[in-house]
Amino acid sequence: MCAVGDVAEAWFCLENVGDLPTFFTWEFPSPFHILPTTGLLEPGQASCTKVTFHPLVAIIYEVQATCWYGKGSKQKRNSSISAPAKCAQLLVSIKQKRPEDQDAEGAQKVLHFGSVSVGCTVERQIKLYNPSVVSAPFRIEVAPDMLAEDHAFSCPTTHGNVPPGEKKSVSVFFHPETLDIRAIDYLSIVPSGCASQTLLKVVGFCRGPEVYLQHHCVNFGWVNLGQTSEQALWIEGRSDCTAYFQFAMDCQESVFSIRPTFGTLVGKARVTLHCTFQPTHPIIYSRRVACLVHHQDPLFLDLIGTCHSDSTKPAILRPQHLTWYRTHRARGLTFYPPDILGIMLREKKLQQDKDGAWAPAHLSLPIQDLEDMSALQCPLIPPMTEYFFDGTSDLAIFPPPVSIEPTEVDFGACPGPKNPNPVPLYLMNHTKGKITVVWTHRSDCPFWVTPDTCDVPPLKSMAMRLHFHPPYPNCLYVVELEAFAVYKVCPSRRDQGWGCLSVLKLEWQGRPARGLIQPSDSLVSPAPLLGAHAPLCLLPAPQPRHGLGEVYVSLGGLCARRSQGISHSCLSRAGLTVCTFPFNL
């Protein structure tokens, strides 16, 4: 007995009982097949012969097979072969059914995987039951109208056989790689022969990580010059998905630092971050740092602090000033220095809203309508848009108050022994007020800018020089330098506004003539390290007594260069952070 579409086998012995060797040949009708079909038998020799039965119709087959032998194959021997063929049945059901599954008889079966974290794999099983008296061969096919790489669902079992009266479990896997999509696919369980196939619909949703910061602003208050302040906050994952994060800043060269700068959140985990503020000048400081999360929009953390010395005590910067700054930026007021804003205030060209921010009076809005001014003129900027269009490239949401050229500096190969020539930098002041720029760097930094302090007139540019003095040969150096700028008005006042601007430099030094090995970069999954940048912003300082907000400016840069065979493309916004590493000749 055999199922339609299946194969059954039987064996018998063919023996030469004569005194002479003889050739033999079998003749047989379909759906039977005899092996070997021809052969030579010596006297007394026997041959094991196999008969295979592969029916295509569910009937009882009775046929005659003929064996020709002897001289000239003129003798024959007939053998009767009979075998019934039956249709196999295969019942498909879902194991460990969930409420959202559909497993009713006569209806389409639906297998739900629910929400699965991106990059993870979830397994569910279906059950195949054979109630018939014959084996039930089957094959499983995935919908052919999709490319292989587009399949989020997979079934390693492509074919099999279920013995009579038994059950077989088949695993189906869901491995999503695209965020926030509802994946749908179809699996066909096709039994052999005349049995009808079962179409199984598989459904799953892909979810990404949910990473949150405890606070969006860390306020260090005021710190005396030469001292260090440290505060802690946590970053946590609220999803079962593993999350990889990295803060986009060079903590070695900044007055602010975050430890750890990058890490992994496995499931619903929490990591404590230690933020440090070590000022170098008696000014106010502010920096907006992006926290890049794999498979999630970036988070932003504002770091603010004020430094006092014995002779200089600027007003303390507070989180409220960040809110005023963003409102003033949207209203086009950040390009005006405090003295011009004071004139506008006296001439009734500015008026104050309920939050304490200023609004141009030419909008002709009554005071009561100023309550909605912030909502009207401060659009909610998507995090990814803010990250990429922060003013460090040609495209920006808001025009940058200060720009620097170039934003990328590559000193290339420096064979030595002399230091490379300085690279000119041009700082452009786009505001209507005079600003002062102060560069900060650690004493052993191989890069520095001269002059380290300069004044830039309104709507003018200032030339600077970037120097590089490598302390060790055959090393790769990457640095993000940081500077702070202030409107230079009322120099005797204590409440001037300061901000941050930075440039990223890349240099490689070696001696190619001695067979130097060239390093290369690669993006390694699943824990990518993402490139760093500094944001561009114009921020109001604490308001003086007459109610005017002063401002600070910041500028960021990013390096992505290629020199002497070293690929630095991973320094782009979706690439690796390149670290300094020595290698020997």
Protein backbone atom coordinates (compact mmCIF):
# COMPACT_ATOMS: atom_id res chain seq x y z
CA MET A 1 0.00 0.00 0.00
CA CYS A 2 1.30 3.41 -0.95
CA ALA A 3 0.12 7.00 -0.88
CA VAL A 4 -0.43 8.82 -4.15
CA GLY A 5 2.73 10.74 -4.93
CA ASP A 6 4.81 8.65 -2.53
CA VAL A 7 7.16 5.78 -3.34
CA ALA A 8 6.96 2.21 -2.00
CA GLU A 9 9.59 -0.49 -2.43
CA ALA A 10 9.60 -4.30 -2.50
CA TRP A 11 12.41 -6.84 -3.00
CA PHE A 12 12.62 -10.30 -4.52
CA CYS A 13 15.40 -12.65 -5.64
CA LEU A 14 16.12 -13.58 -9.29
CA GLU A 15 18.27 -16.76 -9.54
CA ASN A 16 19.85 -18.59 -12.52
CA VAL A 17 19.08 -22.30 -11.88
CA GLY A 18 20.45 -23.40 -15.28
CA ASP A 19 23.92 -24.63 -16.30
CA LEU A 20 24.76 -21.72 -18.61
CA PRO A 21 25.24 -17.99 -17.99
CA THR A 22 22.40 -15.84 -19.26
CA PHE A 23 21.51 -12.23 -19.80
CA PHE A 24 18.14 -10.96 -18.55
CA THR A 25 15.95 -7.95 -19.33
CA TRP A 26 12.82 -6.77 -17.52
CA GLU A 27 9.77 -5.21 -19.13
CA PHE A 28 7.27 -3.51 -16.83
CA PRO A 29 4.47 -0.92 -17.07
CA SER A 30 4.16 2.35 -15.14
CA PRO A 31 3.90 3.18 -12.22
CA PHE A 32 6.27 0.29 -11.38
CA HIS A 33 10.00 0.21 -11.93
CA ILE A 34 12.38 -2.75 -11.56
CA LEU A 35 16.09 -2.44 -10.80
CA PRO A 36 18.38 -3.72 -12.17
CA THR A 37 16.54 -3.67 -15.49
CA THR A 38 19.21 -5.75 -17.29
CA GLY A 39 22.11 -7.89 -16.17
CA LEU A 40 24.14 -11.14 -16.47
CA LEU A 41 23.67 -14.14 -14.17
CA GLU A 42 26.22 -16.94 -13.95
CA PRO A 43 24.98 -20.49 -13.29
CA GLY A 44 23.68 -20.66 -9.70
CA GLN A 45 24.01 -16.91 -9.20
CA ALA A 46 21.15 -14.88 -7.68
CA SER A 47 20.39 -11.17 -7.94
CA CYS A 48 18.39 -9.03 -5.48
CA THR A 49 15.83 -7.11 -7.49
CA LYS A 50 13.98 -4.02 -6.27
CA VAL A 51 10.51 -3.02 -7.40
CA THR A 52 9.46 0.59 -6.79
CA PHE A 53 5.87 1.75 -6.85
CA HIS A 54 5.14 5.45 -7.50
CA PRO A 55 1.37 5.82 -8.04
CA LEU A 56 -0.23 8.97 -9.40
CA VAL A 57 -3.86 7.88 -9.07
CA ALA A 58 -5.63 6.37 -6.07
CA ILE A 59 -6.57 2.94 -7.53
CA ILE A 60 -5.53 -0.70 -7.17
CA TYR A 61 -2.81 -1.52 -9.69
CA GLU A 62 -2.50 -5.09 -11.07
CA VAL A 63 0.08 -5.52 -13.83
CA GLN A 64 2.34 -8.15 -15.44
CA ALA A 65 6.13 -7.81 -15.53
CA THR A 66 8.08 -9.88 -18.07
CA CYS A 67 11.65 -11.14 -17.69
CA TRP A 68 13.39 -12.06 -20.98
CA TYR A 69 16.41 -14.39 -20.77
CA GLY A 70 18.24 -17.21 -22.54
CA LYS A 71 20.03 -17.20 -25.92
CA GLY A 72 18.90 -14.18 -27.88
CA SER A 73 16.56 -13.28 -24.96
CA LYS A 74 13.87 -15.42 -26.53
CA GLN A 75 12.68 -17.03 -23.30
CA LYS A 76 10.46 -15.20 -20.85
CA ARG A 77 8.95 -15.48 -17.41
CA ASN A 78 5.88 -13.43 -16.33
CA SER A 79 5.36 -12.11 -12.81
CA SER A 80 2.19 -10.52 -11.40
CA ILE A 81 2.53 -7.29 -9.44
CA SER A 82 -0.33 -5.69 -7.57
CA ALA A 83 -0.47 -2.76 -5.16
CA PRO A 84 -3.21 -0.40 -3.93
CA ALA A 85 -2.71 3.39 -3.96
CA LYS A 86 -4.53 5.65 -1.52
CA CYS A 87 -4.79 9.38 -0.98
CA ALA A 88 -2.96 10.58 2.12
CA GLN A 89 -4.45 13.16 4.47
CA LEU A 90 -2.54 15.80 6.39
CA LEU A 91 -4.15 17.97 9.05
CA VAL A 92 -2.39 21.23 9.98
CA SER A 93 -2.84 22.88 13.39
CA ILE A 94 -1.02 25.47 15.51
CA LYS A 95 0.84 24.41 18.62
CA GLN A 96 0.46 26.48 21.78
CA LYS A 97 -2.24 28.65 20.25
CA ARG A 98 -2.54 32.29 21.21
CA PRO A 99 -5.75 34.33 21.29
CA GLU A 100 -4.78 36.16 18.08
CA ASP A 101 -4.16 32.92 16.15
CA GLN A 102 -6.81 31.56 13.79
CA ASP A 103 -7.00 27.78 13.69
CA ALA A 104 -10.62 27.03 12.85
CA GLU A 105 -11.48 24.22 10.45
CA GLY A 106 -12.41 25.40 6.98
CA ALA A 107 -10.96 28.88 7.48
CA GLN A 108 -7.55 30.29 6.65
CA LYS A 109 -5.07 29.57 9.38
CA VAL A 110 -3.16 32.52 10.79
CA LEU A 111 -0.01 32.21 12.90
CA HIS A 112 0.74 35.37 14.90
CA PHE A 113 4.24 36.10 16.26
CA GLY A 114 3.24 39.34 17.98
CA SER A 115 5.82 42.09 18.50
CA VAL A 116 9.43 40.99 18.11
CA SER A 117 12.51 43.09 18.77
CA VAL A 118 14.52 44.04 15.71
CA GLY A 119 17.36 41.63 15.07
CA CYS A 120 15.87 38.96 17.35
CA THR A 121 14.48 35.60 16.27
CA VAL A 122 11.28 34.03 17.57
CA GLU A 123 10.21 30.44 16.93
CA ARG A 124 6.70 29.05 16.73
CA GLN A 125 5.57 25.61 15.69
CA ILE A 126 2.80 24.05 13.66
CA LYS A 127 1.65 20.44 13.98
CA LEU A 128 1.11 18.06 11.05
CA TYR A 129 -1.10 15.03 11.75
CA ASN A 130 -1.55 12.10 9.39
CA PRO A 131 -4.83 10.25 10.13
CA SER A 132 -4.59 7.95 7.09
CA VAL A 133 -3.17 4.42 6.85
CA VAL A 134 -0.39 5.42 4.46
CA SER A 135 2.58 7.74 4.89
CA ALA A 136 1.98 11.37 3.99
CA PRO A 137 4.88 13.05 2.19
CA PHE A 138 4.72 16.85 2.10
CA ARG A 139 6.67 19.94 1.11
CA ILE A 140 6.56 23.48 2.49
CA GLU A 141 6.82 26.42 0.12
CA VAL A 142 7.23 30.14 0.85
CA ALA A 143 5.35 32.66 -1.26
CA PRO A 144 7.39 32.92 -4.48
CA ASP A 145 6.56 36.58 -5.21
CA MET A 146 9.18 37.93 -2.80
CA LEU A 147 12.95 38.13 -2.97
CA ALA A 148 14.82 35.80 -0.68
CA GLU A 149 16.39 38.68 1.28
CA ASP A 150 12.94 40.23 1.85
CA HIS A 151 11.63 37.26 3.79
CA ALA A 152 11.35 37.96 7.51
CA PHE A 153 9.87 34.49 8.01
CA SER A 154 11.66 31.23 7.38
CA CYS A 155 10.95 27.52 7.68
CA PRO A 156 14.02 25.25 7.64
CA THR A 157 11.83 22.21 6.93
CA THR A 158 11.20 22.24 3.19
CA HIS A 159 9.95 18.65 2.86
CA GLY A 160 9.28 15.58 4.96
CA ASN A 161 7.11 12.55 5.61
CA VAL A 162 4.59 11.87 8.34
CA PRO A 163 4.10 8.15 9.11
CA PRO A 164 0.54 6.76 9.35
CA GLY A 165 -1.29 7.88 12.48
CA GLU A 166 1.61 10.03 13.73
CA LYS A 167 2.30 13.73 14.25
CA LYS A 168 5.20 15.94 13.24
CA SER A 169 6.14 19.41 14.53
CA VAL A 170 7.51 22.00 12.11
CA SER A 171 9.25 25.19 13.28
CA VAL A 172 8.61 28.61 11.71
CA PHE A 173 10.96 31.50 12.56
CA PHE A 174 10.42 35.26 12.49
CA HIS A 175 13.57 37.40 12.21
CA PRO A 176 12.61 41.05 11.52
CA GLU A 177 15.22 43.57 10.40
CA THR A 178 13.05 46.58 9.48
CA LEU A 179 11.60 48.74 12.23
CA ASP A 180 7.93 49.49 12.77
CA ILE A 181 6.51 47.31 10.02
CA ARG A 182 3.85 44.63 10.05
CA ALA A 183 5.32 41.69 8.18
CA ILE A 184 2.97 39.25 6.42
CA ASP A 185 3.92 36.14 4.52
CA TYR A 186 2.34 32.88 3.42
CA LEU A 187 3.50 29.27 3.79
CA SER A 188 1.97 26.49 1.71
CA ILE A 189 1.93 22.98 3.21
CA VAL A 190 1.54 20.78 0.13
CA PRO A 191 0.86 17.03 0.67
CA SER A 192 1.76 14.63 -2.12
CA GLY A 193 -0.84 13.38 -4.51
CA CYS A 194 -4.43 14.45 -4.60
CA ALA A 195 -4.76 15.93 -1.09
CA SER A 196 -5.44 19.64 -0.96
CA GLN A 197 -2.76 22.03 0.28
CA THR A 198 -3.06 24.23 3.39
CA LEU A 199 -2.22 27.94 3.16
CA LEU A 200 -0.81 29.30 6.42
CA LYS A 201 -0.67 33.08 6.93
CA VAL A 202 2.16 34.25 9.21
CA VAL A 203 2.05 37.73 10.77
CA GLY A 204 4.54 39.60 12.92
CA PHE A 205 5.39 43.14 14.01
CA CYS A 206 8.91 44.50 14.44
CA ARG A 207 9.64 46.81 17.36
CA GLY A 208 12.85 48.63 18.16
CA PRO A 209 14.54 49.67 21.38
CA GLU A 210 13.02 52.22 23.75
CA VAL A 211 15.88 54.09 25.36
CA TYR A 212 15.30 57.01 27.70
CA LEU A 213 17.48 59.41 29.67
CA GLN A 214 16.61 60.25 33.26
CA HIS A 215 17.00 63.98 32.48
CA HIS A 216 17.40 65.94 29.27
CA CYS A 217 19.53 68.60 30.96
CA VAL A 218 22.39 68.31 33.47
CA ASN A 219 22.96 71.57 35.33
CA PHE A 220 26.32 71.74 37.11
CA GLY A 221 25.51 75.13 38.62
CA TRP A 222 28.64 77.17 39.34
CA VAL A 223 32.13 75.75 39.86
CA ASN A 224 35.29 77.53 40.93
CA LEU A 225 38.10 77.67 38.40
CA GLY A 226 40.38 74.66 38.82
CA GLN A 227 37.70 72.48 40.44
CA THR A 228 35.65 69.62 38.97
CA SER A 229 31.97 68.87 39.40
CA GLU A 230 30.34 65.51 38.73
CA GLN A 231 26.71 64.48 38.46
CA ALA A 232 25.08 61.16 37.69
CA LEU A 233 22.06 60.26 35.63
CA TRP A 234 20.88 57.00 34.20
CA ILE A 235 20.03 55.75 30.76
CA GLU A 236 17.65 52.83 30.56
CA GLY A 237 15.97 50.56 28.06
CA ARG A 238 12.26 49.94 28.43
CA SER A 239 11.98 47.30 25.75
CA ASP A 240 13.13 43.70 25.57
CA CYS A 241 15.22 44.69 22.56
CA THR A 242 18.98 45.03 23.06
CA ALA A 243 20.02 48.65 22.51
CA TYR A 244 23.42 50.09 21.63
CA PHE A 245 24.08 53.75 22.46
CA GLN A 246 26.91 56.25 22.09
CA PHE A 247 27.26 59.91 22.97
CA ALA A 248 28.55 61.94 20.03
CA MET A 249 31.32 63.91 21.67
CA ASP A 250 35.06 63.80 22.27
CA CYS A 251 35.23 63.68 26.04
CA GLN A 252 39.02 64.02 26.14
CA GLU A 253 39.07 67.52 24.67
CA SER A 254 35.83 68.91 26.09
CA VAL A 255 35.22 70.61 29.40
CA PHE A 256 32.31 68.17 29.67
CA SER A 257 32.72 64.40 29.74
CA ILE A 258 30.36 61.45 29.99
CA ARG A 259 31.38 58.02 31.25
CA PRO A 260 30.71 55.56 29.75
CA THR A 261 30.55 57.24 26.37
CA PHE A 262 28.98 54.16 24.77
CA GLY A 263 27.47 50.93 25.94
CA THR A 264 24.84 48.22 25.59
CA LEU A 265 21.45 47.94 27.27
CA VAL A 266 20.34 44.32 27.30
CA GLY A 267 16.59 44.29 27.63
CA LYS A 268 15.08 46.41 30.40
CA ALA A 269 18.42 47.42 31.85
CA ARG A 270 19.70 50.66 33.36
CA VAL A 271 23.21 52.12 33.20
CA THR A 272 24.44 54.98 35.36
CA LEU A 273 26.23 57.77 33.47
CA HIS A 274 28.77 59.98 35.22
CA CYS A 275 28.86 63.51 33.79
CA THR A 276 31.88 65.65 34.64
CA PHE A 277 32.38 69.39 34.30
CA GLN A 278 35.97 70.70 34.45
CA PRO A 279 36.02 74.32 33.24
CA THR A 280 39.17 76.07 32.07
CA HIS A 281 37.98 79.70 31.94
CA PRO A 282 35.63 81.76 34.13
CA ILE A 283 32.72 81.80 31.69
CA ILE A 284 29.38 80.03 31.27
CA TYR A 285 29.31 76.79 29.32
CA SER A 286 26.63 74.93 27.40
CA ARG A 287 26.74 72.01 25.02
CA ARG A 288 23.98 69.95 23.44
CA VAL A 289 25.16 66.36 22.97
CA ALA A 290 23.42 63.76 20.81
CA CYS A 291 23.06 60.24 22.17
CA LEU A 292 22.92 57.94 19.18
CA VAL A 293 20.89 54.76 19.64
CA HIS A 294 20.95 51.93 17.13
CA HIS A 295 17.48 51.49 15.57
CA GLN A 296 16.06 54.54 17.38
CA ASP A 297 15.96 58.29 16.90
CA PRO A 298 18.79 60.06 18.75
CA LEU A 299 18.33 61.51 22.21
CA PHE A 300 19.71 64.91 23.21
CA LEU A 301 21.32 65.92 26.47
CA ASP A 302 22.06 69.55 27.40
CA LEU A 303 25.12 70.07 29.61
CA ILE A 304 25.37 73.50 31.24
CA GLY A 305 27.61 75.01 33.88
CA THR A 306 29.19 78.26 35.06
CA CYS A 307 32.77 78.86 36.14
CA HIS A 308 33.78 81.53 38.67
CA SER A 309 37.23 82.87 39.46
CA ASP A 310 38.37 85.33 42.09
CA SER A 311 38.08 88.22 39.65
CA THR A 312 35.38 87.10 37.22
CA LYS A 313 31.99 85.83 38.32
CA PRO A 314 29.53 85.53 35.41
CA ALA A 315 25.86 85.05 36.11
CA ILE A 316 24.84 81.43 36.54
CA LEU A 317 23.38 79.72 33.49
CA ARG A 318 20.16 77.84 34.19
CA PRO A 319 17.91 75.45 32.16
CA GLN A 320 15.32 78.20 31.69
CA HIS A 321 17.82 80.10 29.56
CA LEU A 322 17.94 77.15 27.11
CA THR A 323 14.19 77.39 26.72
CA TRP A 324 14.38 81.13 26.05
CA TYR A 325 17.17 80.61 23.56
CA ARG A 326 15.19 78.15 21.44
CA THR A 327 12.20 80.46 21.47
CA HIS A 328 14.35 83.45 20.47
CA ARG A 329 16.05 81.43 17.74
CA ALA A 330 12.71 80.54 16.19
CA ARG A 331 11.68 84.20 16.34
CA GLY A 332 14.88 85.39 14.65
CA LEU A 333 16.31 87.28 17.65
CA THR A 334 19.54 85.35 18.23
CA PHE A 335 21.51 87.27 15.60
CA TYR A 336 21.19 90.50 17.60
CA PRO A 337 23.58 91.33 20.47
CA PRO A 338 22.22 92.52 23.83
CA ASP A 339 22.83 96.21 23.08
CA ILE A 340 20.72 96.11 19.91
CA LEU A 341 18.01 94.11 21.71
CA GLY A 342 18.02 96.78 24.43
CA ILE A 343 17.43 99.50 21.83
CA MET A 344 14.61 97.45 20.28
CA LEU A 345 13.07 97.03 23.72
CA ARG A 346 13.17 100.77 24.45
CA GLU A 347 11.66 101.51 21.05
CA LYS A 348 8.77 99.10 21.81
CA LYS A 349 9.83 96.76 19.00
CA LEU A 350 9.89 93.83 21.42
CA GLN A 351 7.32 92.57 23.88
CA GLN A 352 7.45 89.80 26.45
CA ASP A 353 5.28 86.68 26.43
CA LYS A 354 4.00 84.77 29.45
CA ASP A 355 7.16 82.60 29.59
CA GLY A 356 9.50 85.60 29.78
CA ALA A 357 10.76 85.32 26.19
CA TRP A 358 10.77 88.23 23.76
CA ALA A 359 8.67 88.50 20.62
CA PRO A 360 8.92 91.05 17.80
CA ALA A 361 6.18 93.63 18.17
CA HIS A 362 5.75 93.93 14.38
CA LEU A 363 3.76 90.67 14.50
CA SER A 364 0.87 92.89 15.67
CA LEU A 365 -0.41 90.32 18.13
CA PRO A 366 -2.26 91.33 21.30
CA ILE A 367 -0.63 90.39 24.57
CA GLN A 368 -3.17 87.63 25.25
CA ASP A 369 -2.29 85.99 21.92
CA LEU A 370 1.36 85.78 22.93
CA GLU A 371 0.47 82.72 24.99
CA ASP A 372 0.40 80.72 21.75
CA MET A 373 3.50 82.38 20.30
CA SER A 374 5.82 79.60 21.34
CA ALA A 375 3.64 76.94 19.75
CA LEU A 376 3.30 78.96 16.56
CA GLN A 377 6.97 79.81 16.08
CA CYS A 378 8.81 76.93 17.77
CA PRO A 379 8.01 73.85 15.65
CA LEU A 380 8.72 70.43 17.05
CA ILE A 381 11.86 69.30 15.23
CA PRO A 382 12.19 65.53 14.71
CA PRO A 383 15.33 64.22 16.45
CA MET A 384 16.84 62.79 13.27
CA THR A 385 16.28 66.09 11.45
CA GLU A 386 17.90 68.04 14.28
CA TYR A 387 20.89 65.70 14.26
CA PHE A 388 21.63 65.85 10.54
CA PHE A 389 20.61 69.48 9.91
CA ASP A 390 22.32 71.05 12.91
CA GLY A 391 24.24 73.66 10.92
CA THR A 392 27.50 71.74 10.53
CA SER A 393 26.71 70.99 6.88
CA ASP A 394 25.27 72.92 3.95
CA LEU A 395 21.70 72.25 5.11
CA ALA A 396 20.42 73.60 8.41
CA ILE A 397 17.08 74.14 10.09
CA PHE A 398 18.21 77.54 11.34
CA PRO A 399 20.98 79.67 9.80
CA PRO A 400 24.18 79.32 11.85
CA PRO A 401 25.25 82.46 13.73
CA VAL A 402 28.90 81.47 13.39
CA SER A 403 30.57 79.24 10.81
CA ILE A 404 34.09 77.95 10.34
CA GLU A 405 35.94 76.82 7.25
CA PRO A 406 37.04 74.17 6.84
CA THR A 407 35.08 71.97 9.22
CA GLU A 408 37.25 68.99 8.29
CA VAL A 409 41.03 69.02 8.48
CA ASP A 410 43.22 66.16 7.32
CA PHE A 411 46.96 66.62 7.71
CA GLY A 412 47.59 63.46 5.71
CA ALA A 413 50.81 61.49 6.02
CA CYS A 414 53.48 63.29 8.04
CA PRO A 415 56.80 61.51 7.48
CA GLY A 416 58.71 63.85 9.82
CA PRO A 417 60.99 64.85 11.35
CA LYS A 418 59.53 68.36 10.95
CA ASN A 419 56.00 69.18 12.01
CA PRO A 420 53.52 69.76 9.19
CA ASN A 421 52.64 73.26 8.14
CA PRO A 422 49.68 74.88 9.94
CA VAL A 423 46.31 74.80 8.22
CA PRO A 424 44.41 78.10 7.93
CA LEU A 425 40.96 78.35 9.51
CA TYR A 426 38.42 81.08 8.80
CA LEU A 427 35.83 81.96 11.42
CA MET A 428 32.84 83.91 10.09
CA ASN A 429 30.60 85.95 12.38
CA HIS A 430 27.10 86.10 10.85
CA THR A 431 25.59 88.05 13.73
CA LYS A 432 25.18 91.81 14.10
CA GLY A 433 27.37 91.96 17.19
CA LYS A 434 31.05 91.60 17.99
CA ILE A 435 31.99 88.22 19.46
CA THR A 436 35.00 86.87 21.34
CA VAL A 437 36.18 83.31 20.71
CA VAL A 438 38.28 81.33 23.20
CA TRP A 439 39.76 77.93 22.27
CA THR A 440 40.25 75.33 24.98
CA HIS A 441 42.38 72.18 24.83
CA ARG A 442 44.42 70.04 27.18
CA SER A 443 48.10 70.82 27.50
CA ASP A 444 49.29 67.59 25.86
CA CYS A 445 46.87 67.79 22.91
CA PRO A 446 48.76 67.40 19.60
CA PHE A 447 46.42 69.94 17.93
CA TRP A 448 45.91 73.58 18.86
CA VAL A 449 44.65 76.83 17.30
CA THR A 450 46.37 80.21 17.25
CA PRO A 451 45.39 82.72 18.35
CA ASP A 452 43.57 80.94 21.16
CA THR A 453 41.56 84.10 21.86
CA CYS A 454 40.32 86.59 19.28
CA ASP A 455 37.58 89.13 18.59
CA VAL A 456 35.47 88.88 15.43
CA PRO A 457 33.57 92.01 14.30
CA PRO A 458 29.94 91.68 13.18
CA LEU A 459 29.48 90.18 9.72
CA LYS A 460 33.26 89.74 9.41
CA SER A 461 35.66 86.81 9.36
CA MET A 462 38.88 86.07 11.26
CA ALA A 463 41.83 84.00 10.07
CA MET A 464 43.31 81.41 12.44
CA ARG A 465 45.84 78.63 12.18
CA LEU A 466 45.50 75.01 13.19
CA HIS A 467 48.78 73.42 14.31
CA PHE A 468 49.72 69.77 14.63
CA HIS A 469 52.65 68.45 16.63
CA PRO A 470 52.56 64.63 16.82
CA PRO A 471 54.22 63.37 20.00
CA TYR A 472 54.80 59.85 18.65
CA PRO A 473 55.47 58.54 15.14
CA ASN A 474 53.39 55.93 13.35
CA CYS A 475 50.12 56.78 15.10
CA LEU A 476 46.65 57.79 13.98
CA TYR A 477 45.35 60.96 15.68
CA VAL A 478 41.73 62.09 15.83
CA VAL A 479 40.69 65.09 17.93
CA GLU A 480 37.62 67.27 18.27
CA LEU A 481 38.74 70.72 19.44
CA GLU A 482 36.35 72.88 21.41
CA ALA A 483 35.99 76.66 21.59
CA PHE A 484 33.54 79.04 23.22
CA ALA A 485 32.19 82.34 21.90
CA VAL A 486 30.53 85.33 23.54
CA TYR A 487 28.99 88.59 22.42
CA LYS A 488 31.52 91.24 23.33
CA VAL A 489 29.29 93.97 24.67
CA CYS A 490 29.40 95.52 28.13
CA PRO A 491 32.81 93.92 28.88
CA SER A 492 32.54 94.91 32.53
CA ARG A 493 29.33 92.94 32.98
CA ARG A 494 29.33 89.53 34.65
CA ASP A 495 26.50 87.97 32.69
CA GLN A 496 27.92 87.52 29.20
CA GLY A 497 26.73 84.47 27.26
CA TRP A 498 29.13 81.75 26.14
CA GLY A 499 28.79 78.75 23.87
CA CYS A 500 30.72 76.01 22.12
CA LEU A 501 32.17 75.47 18.68
CA SER A 502 34.33 72.55 17.64
CA VAL A 503 36.36 71.25 14.72
CA LEU A 504 37.38 67.65 14.18
CA LYS A 505 40.87 66.89 12.91
CA LEU A 506 42.34 63.71 11.50
CA GLU A 507 46.01 62.93 10.91
CA TRP A 508 48.00 59.85 10.09
CA GLN A 509 51.73 59.68 10.52
CA GLY A 510 54.03 56.95 9.29
CA ARG A 511 56.90 55.96 7.05
CA PRO A 512 55.57 54.13 3.97
CA ALA A 513 59.09 53.52 2.70
CA ARG A 514 59.64 51.01 5.51
CA GLY A 515 56.64 48.88 4.66
CA LEU A 516 54.16 50.34 7.09
CA ILE A 517 50.95 48.36 7.53
CA GLN A 518 47.95 50.49 6.67
CA PRO A 519 45.10 50.37 9.21
CA SER A 520 41.53 50.09 7.99
CA ASP A 521 38.12 50.71 9.52
CA SER A 522 35.04 48.53 9.49
CA LEU A 523 31.54 48.66 10.91
CA VAL A 524 31.06 45.65 13.14
CA SER A 525 27.60 44.41 14.06
CA PRO A 526 25.80 44.17 16.40
CA ALA A 527 27.41 46.95 18.44
CA PRO A 528 28.14 49.79 16.03
CA LEU A 529 30.04 52.82 17.26
CA LEU A 530 28.57 55.89 15.64
CA GLY A 531 30.36 59.06 14.54
CA ALA A 532 30.57 62.17 16.74
CA HIS A 533 29.58 65.76 16.06
CA ALA A 534 28.92 68.94 17.99
CA PRO A 535 25.68 70.89 17.52
CA LEU A 536 25.33 74.45 16.34
CA CYS A 537 23.30 76.71 18.57
CA LEU A 538 22.83 80.25 19.82
CA LEU A 539 21.81 80.41 23.45
CA PRO A 540 20.66 83.23 25.74
CA ALA A 541 22.65 83.77 28.91
CA PRO A 542 21.04 84.73 32.23
CA GLN A 543 18.99 87.88 31.76
CA PRO A 544 20.50 91.10 33.08
CA ARG A 545 18.55 93.46 35.28
CA HIS A 546 16.94 95.28 32.39
CA GLY A 547 15.48 91.96 31.17
CA LEU A 548 17.64 91.43 28.06
CA GLY A 549 18.83 87.91 27.19
CA GLU A 550 22.41 87.61 26.05
CA VAL A 551 23.52 84.78 23.78
CA TYR A 552 26.21 82.27 23.07
CA VAL A 553 27.08 80.42 19.88
CA SER A 554 28.40 76.94 19.14
CA LEU A 555 29.55 75.16 16.02
CA GLY A 556 30.41 71.53 15.30
CA GLY A 557 32.42 69.73 12.67
CA LEU A 558 32.96 66.21 11.44
CA CYS A 559 35.91 64.61 9.64
CA ALA A 560 35.64 61.98 6.90
CA ARG A 561 38.80 61.87 4.84
CA ARG A 562 41.08 59.38 3.10
CA SER A 563 44.87 59.52 3.17
CA GLN A 564 47.64 57.08 2.29
CA GLY A 565 45.25 54.16 1.81
CA ILE A 566 43.48 54.55 5.17
CA SER A 567 39.70 54.44 4.77
CA HIS A 568 38.05 57.01 7.02
CA SER A 569 34.58 56.82 5.50
CA CYS A 570 33.38 55.31 8.76
CA LEU A 571 33.88 58.69 10.39
CA SER A 572 30.63 59.72 8.74
CA ARG A 573 27.50 60.12 10.82
CA ALA A 574 26.68 56.42 10.51
CA GLY A 575 30.23 55.13 10.93
CA LEU A 576 32.79 54.24 13.53
CA THR A 577 34.49 56.54 15.96
CA VAL A 578 38.19 56.29 15.12
CA CYS A 579 40.47 56.01 18.14
CA THR A 580 44.18 56.68 18.46
CA PHE A 581 46.11 53.44 18.26
CA PRO A 582 49.88 52.88 17.79
CA PHE A 583 51.35 50.20 15.57
CA ASN A 584 54.97 49.15 15.23
CA LEU A 585 57.14 49.03 12.14
